[in-house]
C-alpha atoms as a PDB file:
ATOM      1  CA  GLY A   1      -6.370   9.890   2.688  1.00  0.00           C
ATOM      2  CA  ARG A   2      -3.066   9.944   0.643  1.00  0.00           C
ATOM      3  CA  ASN A   3      -3.965   6.847  -0.766  1.00  0.00           C
ATOM      4  CA  THR A   4      -2.636   6.026  -4.097  1.00  0.00           C
ATOM      5  CA  GLY A   5      -5.633   3.784  -5.285  1.00  0.00           C
ATOM      6  CA  LYS A   6      -3.618   0.707  -5.938  1.00  0.00           C
ATOM      7  CA  VAL A   7      -4.678  -2.731  -4.943  1.00  0.00           C
ATOM      8  CA  THR A   8      -2.030  -5.045  -5.904  1.00  0.00           C
ATOM      9  CA  SER A   9      -0.124  -8.040  -4.621  1.00  0.00           C
ATOM     10  CA  GLN A  10       3.264  -6.795  -6.142  1.00  0.00           C
ATOM     11  CA  HIS A  11       5.161  -4.775  -3.612  1.00  0.00           C
ATOM     12  CA  GLY A  12       8.525  -4.231  -5.041  1.00  0.00           C
ATOM     13  CA  LEU A  13      11.350  -6.476  -4.752  1.00  0.00           C
ATOM     14  CA  LEU A  14       9.811  -8.504  -2.156  1.00  0.00           C
ATOM     15  CA  TYR A  15       9.379 -12.230  -2.815  1.00  0.00           C
ATOM     16  CA  GLN A  16      12.854 -13.122  -3.066  1.00  0.00           C
ATOM     17  CA  LYS A  17      13.350 -11.351   0.533  1.00  0.00           C
ATOM     18  CA  LEU A  18      10.338 -13.428   1.859  1.00  0.00           C
ATOM     19  CA  ILE A  19      11.609 -16.856   0.758  1.00  0.00           C
ATOM     20  CA  GLU A  20      15.378 -15.973   2.219  1.00  0.00           C
ATOM     21  CA  LEU A  21      14.017 -14.737   5.370  1.00  0.00           C
ATOM     22  CA  HIS A  22      10.778 -17.064   5.859  1.00  0.00           C
ATOM     23  CA  GLY A  23      11.036 -19.819   3.386  1.00  0.00           C
ATOM     24  CA  VAL A  24       8.560 -20.695   0.423  1.00  0.00           C
ATOM     25  CA  THR A  25       5.359 -21.610   2.400  1.00  0.00           C
ATOM     26  CA  LYS A  26       5.152 -18.437   4.460  1.00  0.00           C
ATOM     27  CA  ALA A  27       6.014 -16.398   1.258  1.00  0.00           C
ATOM     28  CA  LYS A  28       3.329 -17.992  -0.457  1.00  0.00           C
ATOM     29  CA  ARG A  29       0.874 -17.394   2.285  1.00  0.00           C
ATOM     30  CA  TYR A  30       1.654 -13.716   2.011  1.00  0.00           C
ATOM     31  CA  TYR A  31       0.885 -13.776  -1.812  1.00  0.00           C
ATOM     32  CA  GLN A  32      -2.197 -15.614  -1.524  1.00  0.00           C
ATOM     33  CA  ALA A  33      -3.478 -12.982   1.451  1.00  0.00           C
ATOM     34  CA  GLN A  34      -2.980 -10.284  -1.162  1.00  0.00           C
ATOM     35  CA  GLU A  35      -4.730 -12.025  -3.752  1.00  0.00           C
ATOM     36  CA  GLU A  36      -7.539 -12.906  -1.448  1.00  0.00           C
ATOM     37  CA  ALA A  37      -7.742  -9.298  -0.372  1.00  0.00           C
ATOM     38  CA  ILE A  38      -8.115  -8.066  -3.808  1.00  0.00           C
ATOM     39  CA  ALA A  39     -10.995 -10.521  -4.908  1.00  0.00           C
ATOM     40  CA  SER A  40     -12.676  -9.685  -1.518  1.00  0.00           C
ATOM     41  CA  ILE A  41     -12.689  -5.755  -2.353  1.00  0.00           C
ATOM     42  CA  ALA A  42     -13.935  -6.495  -5.731  1.00  0.00           C
ATOM     43  CA  SER A  43     -16.547  -8.678  -4.476  1.00  0.00           C
ATOM     44  CA  ILE A  44     -17.921  -6.161  -1.890  1.00  0.00           C
ATOM     45  CA  ILE A  45     -17.878  -3.317  -4.965  1.00  0.00           C
ATOM     46  CA  GLU A  46     -19.913  -5.749  -7.158  1.00  0.00           C
ATOM     47  CA  GLU A  47     -22.261  -6.954  -4.333  1.00  0.00           C
ATOM     48  CA  HIS A  48     -23.092  -3.408  -3.054  1.00  0.00           C
ATOM     49  CA  GLN A  49     -22.839  -1.798  -6.488  1.00  0.00           C
ATOM     50  CA  ILE A  50     -20.206   0.906  -5.111  1.00  0.00           C
ATOM     51  CA  ASP A  51     -19.440   3.536  -7.666  1.00  0.00           C
ATOM     52  CA  CYS A  52     -15.538   4.080  -7.326  1.00  0.00           C
ATOM     53  CA  ASP A  53     -14.056   3.425 -10.573  1.00  0.00           C
ATOM     54  CA  TRP A  54     -12.989  -0.017  -9.878  1.00  0.00           C
ATOM     55  CA  GLU A  55     -11.267  -1.522 -12.581  1.00  0.00           C
ATOM     56  CA  ARG A  56      -8.632  -4.494 -13.226  1.00  0.00           C
ATOM     57  CA  LYS A  57      -5.248  -3.469 -14.631  1.00  0.00           C
ATOM     58  CA  SER A  58      -1.818  -4.640 -14.665  1.00  0.00           C
ATOM     59  CA  SER A  59       1.038  -3.706 -11.973  1.00  0.00           C
ATOM     60  CA  ILE A  60       4.537  -3.485 -13.312  1.00  0.00           C
ATOM     61  CA  LEU A  61       7.806  -3.583 -11.456  1.00  0.00           C
ATOM     62  CA  TYR A  62      10.720  -2.321 -13.473  1.00  0.00           C
ATOM     63  CA  THR A  63      14.106  -0.754 -13.856  1.00  0.00           C
ATOM     64  CA  THR A  64      15.674   1.537 -16.454  1.00  0.00           C
ATOM     65  CA  GLU A  65      19.104   0.628 -15.250  1.00  0.00           C
ATOM     66  CA  GLU A  66      21.016  -2.205 -17.206  1.00  0.00           C
ATOM     67  CA  THR A  67      22.755  -2.934 -13.831  1.00  0.00           C
ATOM     68  CA  LYS A  68      19.748  -3.722 -12.037  1.00  0.00           C
ATOM     69  CA  ILE A  69      18.063  -6.182 -14.627  1.00  0.00           C
ATOM     70  CA  SER A  70      19.468  -9.223 -12.584  1.00  0.00           C
ATOM     71  CA  GLN A  71      17.548  -8.046  -9.625  1.00  0.00           C
ATOM     72  CA  ILE A  72      14.323  -8.092 -11.633  1.00  0.00           C
ATOM     73  CA  GLN A  73      15.356 -11.496 -12.860  1.00  0.00           C
ATOM     74  CA  ASP A  74      15.979 -12.792  -9.443  1.00  0.00           C
ATOM     75  CA  GLU A  75      12.551 -11.471  -8.405  1.00  0.00           C
ATOM     76  CA  TYR A  76      11.086 -12.886 -11.340  1.00  0.00           C
ATOM     77  CA  GLN A  77      12.415 -16.450 -10.593  1.00  0.00           C
ATOM     78  CA  ALA A  78      11.200 -16.047  -7.019  1.00  0.00           C
ATOM     79  CA  CYS A  79       7.798 -15.377  -8.372  1.00  0.00           C
ATOM     80  CA  LEU A  80       7.854 -18.421 -10.413  1.00  0.00           C
ATOM     81  CA  ASP A  81       8.997 -20.601  -7.470  1.00  0.00           C
ATOM     82  CA  LEU A  82       5.847 -19.242  -5.633  1.00  0.00           C
ATOM     83  CA  GLY A  83       3.518 -20.129  -8.611  1.00  0.00           C
ATOM     84  CA  ILE A  84       2.691 -16.393  -9.040  1.00  0.00           C
ATOM     85  CA  SER A  85       0.987 -15.733 -12.554  1.00  0.00           C
ATOM     86  CA  CYS A  86       3.225 -13.034 -13.928  1.00  0.00           C
ATOM     87  CA  THR A  87       5.205 -12.061 -17.185  1.00  0.00           C
ATOM     88  CA  TYR A  88       8.869 -11.112 -17.422  1.00  0.00           C
ATOM     89  CA  LEU A  89       9.278  -7.972 -19.730  1.00  0.00           C
ATOM     90  CA  ASP A  90      12.594  -7.442 -21.397  1.00  0.00           C
ATOM     91  CA  HIS A  91      11.570  -3.853 -22.756  1.00  0.00           C
ATOM     92  CA  GLY A  92       9.432  -1.076 -21.711  1.00  0.00           C
ATOM     93  CA  ARG A  93       6.204   0.457 -23.034  1.00  0.00           C
ATOM     94  CA  GLU A  94       5.938   3.497 -25.081  1.00  0.00           C
ATOM     95  CA  GLU A  95       4.821   5.729 -22.084  1.00  0.00           C
ATOM     96  CA  VAL A  96       7.517   4.462 -19.521  1.00  0.00           C
ATOM     97  CA  PRO A  97      10.440   2.894 -21.284  1.00  0.00           C
ATOM     98  CA  PHE A  98      12.680   0.475 -19.194  1.00  0.00           C
ATOM     99  CA  ALA A  99      15.139  -2.144 -19.373  1.00  0.00           C
ATOM    100  CA  ALA A 100      13.286  -5.126 -17.571  1.00  0.00           C
ATOM    101  CA  GLY A 101      10.247  -5.683 -15.757  1.00  0.00           C
ATOM    102  CA  ILE A 102       7.675  -7.764 -14.210  1.00  0.00           C
ATOM    103  CA  GLU A 103       4.211  -7.691 -14.722  1.00  0.00           C
ATOM    104  CA  PHE A 104       1.176  -8.780 -12.388  1.00  0.00           C
ATOM    105  CA  PRO A 105      -2.017  -9.079 -14.537  1.00  0.00           C
ATOM    106  CA  ASN A 106      -5.508  -8.391 -13.022  1.00  0.00           C
ATOM    107  CA  GLN A 107      -4.750  -6.194 -10.242  1.00  0.00           C
ATOM    108  CA  GLY A 108      -6.996  -3.562  -8.789  1.00  0.00           C
ATOM    109  CA  SER A 109      -7.250   0.313  -9.274  1.00  0.00           C
ATOM    110  CA  TYR A 110     -10.092   2.379  -7.626  1.00  0.00           C
ATOM    111  CA  ASP A 111     -10.898   5.565  -5.917  1.00  0.00           C
ATOM    112  CA  PRO A 112     -10.342   4.705  -2.283  1.00  0.00           C
ATOM    113  CA  TYR A 113     -12.447   7.480  -0.957  1.00  0.00           C
ATOM    114  CA  ARG A 114     -15.406   6.682  -2.929  1.00  0.00           C
ATOM    115  CA  TYR A 115     -15.038   3.174  -1.886  1.00  0.00           C
ATOM    116  CA  LEU A 116     -15.020   3.879   1.911  1.00  0.00           C
ATOM    117  CA  LEU A 117     -17.875   5.992   1.338  1.00  0.00           C
ATOM    118  CA  GLY A 118     -19.588   3.467  -0.230  1.00  0.00           C
ATOM    119  CA  LEU A 119     -18.812   1.048   2.827  1.00  0.00           C
ATOM    120  CA  SER A 120     -19.993   3.471   5.297  1.00  0.00           C
ATOM    121  CA  HIS A 121     -23.424   3.553   3.311  1.00  0.00           C
ATOM    122  CA  CYS A 122     -23.431  -0.309   3.582  1.00  0.00           C
ATOM    123  CA  LEU A 123     -22.813  -0.282   7.533  1.00  0.00           C
ATOM    124  CA  ASP A 124     -25.137   2.581   7.859  1.00  0.00           C
ATOM    125  CA  ALA A 125     -28.097   0.423   6.519  1.00  0.00           C
ATOM    126  CA  GLU A 126     -27.077  -2.445   8.907  1.00  0.00           C
ATOM    127  CA  GLY A 127     -27.371  -0.319  11.924  1.00  0.00           C
ATOM    128  CA  ILE A 128     -23.500  -0.301  12.429  1.00  0.00           C
ATOM    129  CA  ALA A 129     -22.423   3.168  13.408  1.00  0.00           C
ATOM    130  CA  ILE A 130     -19.056   5.192  12.614  1.00  0.00           C
ATOM    131  CA  TYR A 131     -18.120   7.902  14.980  1.00  0.00           C
ATOM    132  CA  GLU A 132     -15.568  10.340  13.497  1.00  0.00           C
ATOM    133  CA  HIS A 133     -13.710  12.846  15.460  1.00  0.00           C
ATOM    134  CA  SER A 134     -13.379  10.268  18.280  1.00  0.00           C
ATOM    135  CA  SER A 135      -9.765   9.575  19.130  1.00  0.00           C
ATOM    136  CA  ALA A 136      -9.025   7.090  21.719  1.00  0.00           C
ATOM    137  CA  LYS A 137      -7.337   8.631  24.720  1.00  0.00           C
ATOM    138  CA  ALA A 138      -6.550   5.555  26.835  1.00  0.00           C
ATOM    139  CA  ILE A 139      -7.173   1.564  26.413  1.00  0.00           C
ATOM    140  CA  VAL A 140      -6.811  -0.418  29.636  1.00  0.00           C
ATOM    141  CA  LYS A 141      -7.591  -3.942  30.554  1.00  0.00           C
ATOM    142  CA  ASP A 142     -11.349  -4.307  31.984  1.00  0.00           C
ATOM    143  CA  GLY A 143     -11.736  -8.047  33.134  1.00  0.00           C
ATOM    144  CA  SER A 144     -11.625 -10.059  30.009  1.00  0.00           C
ATOM    145  CA  GLY A 145     -12.162  -7.122  27.837  1.00  0.00           C
ATOM    146  CA  TRP A 146     -11.145  -3.449  27.669  1.00  0.00           C
ATOM    147  CA  ASP A 147     -12.004  -0.167  28.601  1.00  0.00           C
ATOM    148  CA  VAL A 148     -11.584   2.420  26.173  1.00  0.00           C
ATOM    149  CA  GLU A 149     -11.864   6.397  26.842  1.00  0.00           C
ATOM    150  CA  VAL A 150     -13.029   8.638  24.196  1.00  0.00           C
ATOM    151  CA  ASN A 151     -14.473  12.013  24.357  1.00  0.00           C
ATOM    152  CA  GLY A 152     -14.775  11.900  28.030  1.00  0.00           C
ATOM    153  CA  TYR A 153     -16.832   8.442  27.861  1.00  0.00           C
ATOM    154  CA  HIS A 154     -15.792   4.857  28.697  1.00  0.00           C
ATOM    155  CA  ILE A 155     -16.718   2.318  26.186  1.00  0.00           C
ATOM    156  CA  HIS A 156     -16.210  -1.362  27.151  1.00  0.00           C
ATOM    157  CA  ALA A 157     -15.384  -3.925  24.246  1.00  0.00           C
ATOM    158  CA  GLN A 158     -14.532  -7.481  24.318  1.00  0.00           C
ATOM    159  CA  ASN A 159     -12.411  -7.254  21.183  1.00  0.00           C
ATOM    160  CA  ILE A 160     -10.580  -4.426  19.610  1.00  0.00           C
ATOM    161  CA  ILE A 161      -9.143  -4.218  16.329  1.00  0.00           C
ATOM    162  CA  CYS A 162      -6.538  -1.250  15.907  1.00  0.00           C
ATOM    163  CA  THR A 163      -5.432  -0.242  12.390  1.00  0.00           C
ATOM    164  CA  THR A 164      -3.572   2.752  13.173  1.00  0.00           C
ATOM    165  CA  GLN A 165      -0.031   2.832  11.777  1.00  0.00           C
ATOM    166  CA  MET A 166       1.450   1.972  14.987  1.00  0.00           C
ATOM    167  CA  PRO A 167      -1.014   0.332  17.702  1.00  0.00           C
ATOM    168  CA  LEU A 168      -2.176   2.393  20.569  1.00  0.00           C
ATOM    169  CA  LEU A 169      -1.289  -0.440  22.958  1.00  0.00           C
ATOM    170  CA  ASP A 170       2.307  -1.953  22.901  1.00  0.00           C
ATOM    171  CA  ALA A 171       2.093  -4.499  25.747  1.00  0.00           C
ATOM    172  CA  PHE A 172       5.930  -4.932  25.923  1.00  0.00           C
ATOM    173  CA  THR A 173       6.032  -6.214  22.171  1.00  0.00           C
ATOM    174  CA  PHE A 174       8.159  -3.170  21.171  1.00  0.00           C
ATOM    175  CA  LEU A 175       6.642  -2.990  17.721  1.00  0.00           C
ATOM    176  CA  TYR A 176       7.969   0.472  17.288  1.00  0.00           C
ATOM    177  CA  ALA A 177      11.565  -0.969  17.033  1.00  0.00           C
ATOM    178  CA  LYS A 178      10.347  -3.483  14.309  1.00  0.00           C
ATOM    179  CA  THR A 179       9.680  -0.903  11.934  1.00  0.00           C
ATOM    180  CA  TYR A 180      11.172   2.348  10.183  1.00  0.00           C
ATOM    181  CA  PRO A 181       9.290   4.986   8.679  1.00  0.00           C
ATOM    182  CA  SER A 182       9.568   5.806   4.988  1.00  0.00           C
ATOM    183  CA  LEU A 183       8.696   9.098   3.279  1.00  0.00           C
ATOM    184  CA  SER A 184       7.712   9.592  -0.385  1.00  0.00           C
ATOM    185  CA  HIS A 185       6.550  12.214  -2.472  1.00  0.00           C
ATOM    186  CA  LEU A 186       3.509  12.300  -4.717  1.00  0.00           C
ATOM    187  CA  ALA A 187       2.136  14.760  -7.389  1.00  0.00           C
ATOM    188  CA  LEU A 188      -1.052  14.598  -9.190  1.00  0.00           C
ATOM    189  CA  PHE A 189      -1.698  16.031 -12.590  1.00  0.00           C
ATOM    190  CA  ALA A 190      -5.127  16.853 -13.911  1.00  0.00           C
ATOM    191  CA  HIS A 191      -4.784  16.022 -17.578  1.00  0.00           C
ATOM    192  CA  HIS A 192      -3.633  12.755 -19.016  1.00  0.00           C
ATOM    193  CA  THR A 193      -4.702  10.750 -22.004  1.00  0.00           C
ATOM    194  CA  ASN A 194      -2.829   7.600 -21.635  1.00  0.00           C
ATOM    195  CA  ASN A 195      -4.389   5.347 -19.196  1.00  0.00           C
ATOM    196  CA  ILE A 196      -1.097   3.694 -18.075  1.00  0.00           C
ATOM    197  CA  ASP A 197      -0.765   0.785 -15.809  1.00  0.00           C
ATOM    198  CA  MET A 198       0.238   0.957 -12.197  1.00  0.00           C
ATOM    199  CA  MET A 199       4.176   1.149 -12.464  1.00  0.00           C
ATOM    200  CA  PHE A 200       6.971   0.752  -9.776  1.00  0.00           C
ATOM    201  CA  SER A 201      10.656   1.215 -10.234  1.00  0.00           C
ATOM    202  CA  ILE A 202      13.351  -0.094  -8.132  1.00  0.00           C
ATOM    203  CA  ASP A 203      15.746   2.582  -9.385  1.00  0.00           C
ATOM    204  CA  ASP A 204      17.287   5.545  -7.290  1.00  0.00           C
ATOM    205  CA  PRO A 205      15.306   7.745  -7.094  1.00  0.00           C
ATOM    206  CA  MET A 206      12.218   5.471  -7.231  1.00  0.00           C
ATOM    207  CA  GLU A 207       9.505   6.258  -9.396  1.00  0.00           C
ATOM    208  CA  SER A 208       5.902   5.121  -9.608  1.00  0.00           C
ATOM    209  CA  TYR A 209       3.169   5.967 -11.902  1.00  0.00           C
ATOM    210  CA  HIS A 210      -0.783   5.278 -11.625  1.00  0.00           C
ATOM    211  CA  GLY A 211      -2.956   6.335 -14.516  1.00  0.00           C
ATOM    212  CA  LEU A 212      -6.595   7.510 -13.395  1.00  0.00           C
ATOM    213  CA  HIS A 213      -8.586   7.998 -16.432  1.00  0.00           C
ATOM    214  CA  THR A 214      -7.757  11.521 -17.291  1.00  0.00           C
ATOM    215  CA  GLN A 215      -5.362  12.009 -14.312  1.00  0.00           C
ATOM    216  CA  LEU A 216      -2.030  10.768 -13.702  1.00  0.00           C
ATOM    217  CA  LEU A 217      -0.439   9.982 -10.126  1.00  0.00           C
ATOM    218  CA  CYS A 218       3.271  10.411  -9.688  1.00  0.00           C
ATOM    219  CA  GLY A 219       5.469   9.160  -6.819  1.00  0.00           C
ATOM    220  CA  GLY A 220       8.895   9.204  -6.104  1.00  0.00           C
ATOM    221  CA  TYR A 221      12.081   9.884  -3.927  1.00  0.00           C
ATOM    222  CA  ALA A 222      10.999   7.411  -1.142  1.00  0.00           C
ATOM    223  CA  HIS A 223      13.616   7.390   1.591  1.00  0.00           C
ATOM    224  CA  ARG A 224      13.528   6.985   5.558  1.00  0.00           C
ATOM    225  CA  CYS A 225      12.189   9.571   7.412  1.00  0.00           C
ATOM    226  CA  GLY A 226      14.834  11.995   9.242  1.00  0.00           C
ATOM    227  CA  MET A 227      17.485  11.330   6.798  1.00  0.00           C
ATOM    228  CA  GLU A 228      18.234  14.053   4.123  1.00  0.00           C
ATOM    229  CA  CYS A 229      16.938  13.209   0.672  1.00  0.00           C
ATOM    230  CA  ALA A 230      19.855  13.584  -1.742  1.00  0.00           C
ATOM    231  CA  GLN A 231      17.365  14.421  -4.631  1.00  0.00           C
ATOM    232  CA  ASP A 232      16.026  18.091  -5.743  1.00  0.00           C
ATOM    233  CA  TYR A 233      12.279  17.870  -4.947  1.00  0.00           C
ATOM    234  CA  GLU A 234      11.650  20.785  -7.091  1.00  0.00           C
ATOM    235  CA  ALA A 235      13.717  19.266 -10.108  1.00  0.00           C
ATOM    236  CA  TRP A 236      11.604  16.219  -9.641  1.00  0.00           C
ATOM    237  CA  ILE A 237       8.490  18.184 -10.319  1.00  0.00           C
ATOM    238  CA  ARG A 238      10.049  19.986 -13.252  1.00  0.00           C
ATOM    239  CA  SER A 239      11.208  16.566 -14.685  1.00  0.00           C
ATOM    240  CA  LEU A 240       7.537  15.103 -14.524  1.00  0.00           C
ATOM    241  CA  GLN A 241       6.215  18.115 -16.315  1.00  0.00           C
ATOM    242  CA  LYS A 242       8.700  17.854 -19.045  1.00  0.00           C
ATOM    243  CA  LYS A 243       8.244  13.987 -19.244  1.00  0.00           C
ATOM    244  CA  TRP A 244       4.367  14.004 -19.422  1.00  0.00           C
ATOM    245  CA  ASN A 245       3.909  17.443 -20.931  1.00  0.00           C
ATOM    246  CA  GLN A 246       1.900  18.984 -18.022  1.00  0.00           C
ATOM    247  CA  ASP A 247       1.357  22.132 -16.386  1.00  0.00           C
ATOM    248  CA  ALA A 248       1.883  22.369 -12.590  1.00  0.00           C
ATOM    249  CA  PRO A 249       0.429  19.457 -10.502  1.00  0.00           C
ATOM    250  CA  GLU A 250      -2.994  20.024  -8.904  1.00  0.00           C
ATOM    251  CA  TYR A 251      -1.842  18.520  -5.593  1.00  0.00           C
ATOM    252  CA  ILE A 252       1.516  17.718  -3.985  1.00  0.00           C
ATOM    253  CA  TRP A 253       1.860  15.753  -0.732  1.00  0.00           C
ATOM    254  CA  ASP A 254       4.078  13.572   1.174  1.00  0.00           C
ATOM    255  CA  SER A 255       3.121  10.129   2.252  1.00  0.00           C
ATOM    256  CA  GLN A 256       4.675   8.149   5.131  1.00  0.00           C
ATOM    257  CA  ASP A 257       4.482   4.630   5.850  1.00  0.00           C
ATOM    258  CA  LEU A 258       5.849   2.340   8.405  1.00  0.00           C
ATOM    259  CA  MET A 259       8.118  -0.730   7.015  1.00  0.00           C
ATOM    260  CA  SER A 260       8.662  -3.765   9.056  1.00  0.00           C
ATOM    261  CA  PHE A 261      12.274  -5.067   8.892  1.00  0.00           C
ATOM    262  CA  ASP A 262      11.225  -8.468   8.266  1.00  0.00           C
ATOM    263  CA  HIS A 263       8.977  -7.605   5.339  1.00  0.00           C
ATOM    264  CA  LEU A 264       6.065  -8.908   6.869  1.00  0.00           C
ATOM    265  CA  PRO A 265       2.863  -7.235   7.714  1.00  0.00           C
ATOM    266  CA  MET A 266       1.922  -6.670  11.222  1.00  0.00           C
ATOM    267  CA  ILE A 267      -1.642  -8.252  11.492  1.00  0.00           C
ATOM    268  CA  GLY A 268      -3.276 -10.434  14.137  1.00  0.00           C
ATOM    269  CA  PRO A 269      -3.298 -10.605  17.894  1.00  0.00           C
ATOM    270  CA  LEU A 270      -0.990  -8.024  19.597  1.00  0.00           C
ATOM    271  CA  SER A 271       0.439 -10.673  21.929  1.00  0.00           C
ATOM    272  CA  GLN A 272      -0.278 -13.731  23.904  1.00  0.00           C
ATOM    273  CA  ALA A 273      -1.022 -11.400  26.877  1.00  0.00           C
ATOM    274  CA  ALA A 274      -3.555  -9.526  24.908  1.00  0.00           C
ATOM    275  CA  PRO A 275      -5.295 -12.030  22.311  1.00  0.00           C
ATOM    276  CA  ASN A 276      -8.355 -10.067  22.080  1.00  0.00           C
ATOM    277  CA  PHE A 277      -6.410  -6.981  21.011  1.00  0.00           C
ATOM    278  CA  TYR A 278      -5.915  -7.248  17.149  1.00  0.00           C
ATOM    279  CA  ILE A 279      -3.852  -5.184  14.969  1.00  0.00           C
ATOM    280  CA  ALA A 280      -3.391  -4.388  11.265  1.00  0.00           C
ATOM    281  CA  CYS A 281      -0.515  -1.909  10.836  1.00  0.00           C
ATOM    282  CA  ALA A 282       2.684  -1.805   8.794  1.00  0.00           C
END
C-alpha cells in the first residue's frame, strides 16, 4: 500500500553520507545489497511469469538550483569512489528541466500490488499459507523459540521475521529512538503520454516523479512528522496540474517512512539476546 513502484539503489544524497559515517567498505556493501535486491526481484518475476508491468528504466537525482550543483557533484564523486555505474548530467530533460543530476541506469519499475499477488500465488502453490487480518497481539520467549498470540490462538515459532515499520519487540535496543518519521505527499494523475524516468530532487520542497505508462505519480514536500510543513499543499497540487496540463488527480495520499539517523537500514537479528528474531524495518 502507498508504494511508488520504484526499485532503485539511488536514495537521495546518500552515498557521500555513508562514506563519511561508515567508510567506503560499508557504503559499497549497501549499494551491492540494493543491486542484488533489484536483480532478485527481476529474477522472481521472470521465473514465475508475474504480470506486474516490470521494466528497467533510469533513476535520476537532480537539482534545479544553481547553489546545490556542488552537492550533486559531491554525490557523483562518492558514487565513482564506490564503483557505481552512473552518469553525471549537466542539464535536464525536456519534461523536467534541471541544473545538474546523476543518472543510475537499469533500475526497476513495477506495479507492487500485482507483484505481491503473483508472489502469493507462488506461495499458495507451494503450500505456504498467508493469513490476513491476523495482527500479533503479543510475542514472548518460549524456550529457544517464540510464542505469538494471534486472534486468540498461540503459535510457536523457532524463528520470526518482523517487517513492520518498527519492530513489535524492542528487547532494550531502543530502535524507536534511532529513527525519525518522515511524511511526504503524493498525487496520481490518470493521463500522461510521456513515460518519464524515475526522478527525485534534492530541492526544498522536494519533488519526485514516476511515469507509469499512461499515469504519472508525483511526490513532494517531505518533512518530519509533527513539524508544520511550510509549503502550501493545495498550491502544490495546482502547480502539478499546470506543469503537466492535468485535471484534478485521481488519488491523493500521504506516505510515512521511518528514517534512520545513521542512514543504514535496520535489518538482521534484533539483538544478541534475541538472535532468532529478525527485523527488516527502516
